[in-house]
Amino acid sequence: MTITRKCPVCGKPRREEHSPFCSTRCKDRDLVRWLDDGYAIPGPPAFDEEEGKA
């Protein structure tokens, strides 16, 4: 049995040429999320805005 993985952005089946996405559009949407701070890696803050120091 073959498991068809889905695109993490829209849920459509992945395509090999755009893996792990289904299209260039979804690949670009994911990149924009990263660039706009739409994703965050858990952990302590790297910069304290109130004190102004790292």
N, C-alpha and C. Protein backbone atom coordinates (compact mmCIF):
# COMPACT_ATOMS: atom_id res chain seq x y z
N MET A 1 0.85 -1.18 0.00
CA MET A 1 0.00 0.00 0.00
C MET A 1 0.90 1.25 0.00
N THR A 2 0.64 2.14 -0.92
CA THR A 2 1.41 3.37 -1.03
C THR A 2 0.68 4.49 -0.32
N ILE A 3 1.41 5.22 0.52
CA ILE A 3 0.82 6.34 1.23
C ILE A 3 1.08 7.61 0.41
N THR A 4 0.02 8.31 0.05
CA THR A 4 0.16 9.56 -0.68
C THR A 4 0.21 10.68 0.34
N ARG A 5 1.35 11.36 0.39
CA ARG A 5 1.49 12.47 1.32
C ARG A 5 0.88 13.71 0.71
N LYS A 6 0.40 14.58 1.59
CA LYS A 6 -0.27 15.79 1.13
C LYS A 6 0.61 17.02 1.27
N CYS A 7 0.32 18.00 0.48
CA CYS A 7 1.00 19.29 0.53
C CYS A 7 0.71 19.93 1.90
N PRO A 8 1.73 20.43 2.61
CA PRO A 8 1.50 21.02 3.93
C PRO A 8 0.76 22.36 3.88
N VAL A 9 0.65 22.96 2.71
CA VAL A 9 -0.02 24.26 2.59
C VAL A 9 -1.50 24.10 2.26
N CYS A 10 -1.81 23.31 1.22
CA CYS A 10 -3.21 23.22 0.77
C CYS A 10 -3.85 21.84 0.94
N GLY A 11 -3.05 20.81 1.18
CA GLY A 11 -3.60 19.48 1.39
C GLY A 11 -3.78 18.63 0.15
N LYS A 12 -3.43 19.16 -1.02
CA LYS A 12 -3.50 18.37 -2.25
C LYS A 12 -2.33 17.39 -2.28
N PRO A 13 -2.40 16.36 -3.13
CA PRO A 13 -1.28 15.41 -3.23
C PRO A 13 0.01 16.12 -3.69
N ARG A 14 1.12 15.70 -3.10
CA ARG A 14 2.42 16.27 -3.45
C ARG A 14 2.81 15.88 -4.85
N ARG A 15 3.67 16.70 -5.47
CA ARG A 15 4.25 16.37 -6.77
C ARG A 15 5.75 16.33 -6.61
N GLU A 16 6.37 15.34 -7.22
CA GLU A 16 7.80 15.11 -7.05
C GLU A 16 8.64 16.33 -7.40
N GLU A 17 8.29 17.06 -8.45
CA GLU A 17 9.10 18.20 -8.88
C GLU A 17 9.00 19.39 -7.93
N HIS A 18 7.99 19.39 -7.03
CA HIS A 18 7.81 20.49 -6.08
C HIS A 18 7.87 20.01 -4.63
N SER A 19 8.31 18.80 -4.40
CA SER A 19 8.29 18.19 -3.08
C SER A 19 8.89 19.10 -2.01
N PRO A 20 8.26 19.23 -0.86
CA PRO A 20 7.09 18.51 -0.36
C PRO A 20 5.76 19.19 -0.68
N PHE A 21 5.76 20.08 -1.65
CA PHE A 21 4.54 20.82 -2.00
C PHE A 21 3.92 20.26 -3.27
N CYS A 22 2.74 20.78 -3.63
CA CYS A 22 2.07 20.31 -4.84
C CYS A 22 2.35 21.20 -6.04
N SER A 23 2.80 22.43 -5.78
CA SER A 23 3.02 23.37 -6.88
C SER A 23 4.00 24.46 -6.47
N THR A 24 4.42 25.24 -7.45
CA THR A 24 5.28 26.38 -7.18
C THR A 24 4.54 27.41 -6.33
N ARG A 25 3.25 27.53 -6.56
CA ARG A 25 2.45 28.49 -5.79
C ARG A 25 2.49 28.18 -4.30
N CYS A 26 2.30 26.92 -3.93
CA CYS A 26 2.34 26.54 -2.51
C CYS A 26 3.75 26.69 -1.95
N LYS A 27 4.76 26.39 -2.75
CA LYS A 27 6.14 26.56 -2.32
C LYS A 27 6.41 28.03 -2.01
N ASP A 28 5.92 28.93 -2.87
CA ASP A 28 6.10 30.36 -2.66
C ASP A 28 5.30 30.87 -1.46
N ARG A 29 4.10 30.35 -1.26
CA ARG A 29 3.30 30.75 -0.10
C ARG A 29 4.00 30.38 1.20
N ASP A 30 4.62 29.21 1.23
CA ASP A 30 5.35 28.78 2.42
C ASP A 30 6.56 29.69 2.67
N LEU A 31 7.27 30.06 1.63
CA LEU A 31 8.42 30.96 1.77
C LEU A 31 7.98 32.31 2.33
N VAL A 32 6.86 32.84 1.85
CA VAL A 32 6.35 34.12 2.34
C VAL A 32 6.00 34.03 3.82
N ARG A 33 5.45 32.91 4.25
CA ARG A 33 5.15 32.73 5.68
C ARG A 33 6.42 32.81 6.52
N TRP A 34 7.49 32.17 6.05
CA TRP A 34 8.76 32.23 6.77
C TRP A 34 9.29 33.66 6.81
N LEU A 35 9.24 34.35 5.69
CA LEU A 35 9.79 35.71 5.61
C LEU A 35 8.97 36.72 6.42
N ASP A 36 7.67 36.47 6.58
CA ASP A 36 6.80 37.37 7.35
C ASP A 36 6.67 36.95 8.81
N ASP A 37 7.56 36.08 9.28
CA ASP A 37 7.53 35.57 10.66
C ASP A 37 6.23 34.85 10.98
N GLY A 38 5.67 34.16 9.99
CA GLY A 38 4.46 33.38 10.21
C GLY A 38 4.72 32.08 10.94
N TYR A 39 5.97 31.64 10.95
CA TYR A 39 6.36 30.44 11.68
C TYR A 39 7.30 30.86 12.81
N ALA A 40 7.31 30.08 13.86
CA ALA A 40 8.21 30.36 14.97
C ALA A 40 8.76 29.05 15.51
N ILE A 41 10.01 29.06 15.88
CA ILE A 41 10.65 27.90 16.49
C ILE A 41 10.55 28.09 18.00
N PRO A 42 10.03 27.09 18.74
CA PRO A 42 9.87 27.25 20.17
C PRO A 42 11.21 27.46 20.89
N GLY A 43 11.17 28.27 21.91
CA GLY A 43 12.36 28.54 22.69
C GLY A 43 12.27 29.90 23.35
N PRO A 44 13.26 30.23 24.14
CA PRO A 44 13.25 31.54 24.81
C PRO A 44 13.44 32.66 23.79
N PRO A 45 12.92 33.84 24.07
CA PRO A 45 13.09 34.96 23.15
C PRO A 45 14.57 35.28 22.95
N ALA A 46 14.94 35.62 21.72
CA ALA A 46 16.32 35.95 21.41
C ALA A 46 16.62 37.40 21.74
N PHE A 47 15.58 38.24 21.84
CA PHE A 47 15.77 39.66 22.07
C PHE A 47 14.67 40.17 22.98
N ASP A 48 15.04 40.83 24.05
CA ASP A 48 14.07 41.41 24.97
C ASP A 48 13.84 42.87 24.58
N GLU A 49 12.67 43.16 23.99
CA GLU A 49 12.39 44.49 23.48
C GLU A 49 12.32 45.56 24.57
N GLU A 50 11.87 45.19 25.76
CA GLU A 50 11.74 46.16 26.84
C GLU A 50 13.10 46.62 27.33
N GLU A 51 14.05 45.72 27.47
CA GLU A 51 15.37 46.07 27.97
C GLU A 51 16.32 46.48 26.87
N GLY A 52 15.99 46.13 25.62
CA GLY A 52 16.81 46.51 24.49
C GLY A 52 18.13 45.76 24.39
N LYS A 53 18.21 44.59 24.98
CA LYS A 53 19.43 43.80 24.85
C LYS A 53 19.11 42.34 24.63
N ALA A 54 20.09 41.65 24.13
CA ALA A 54 19.91 40.24 23.82
C ALA A 54 20.13 39.38 25.03
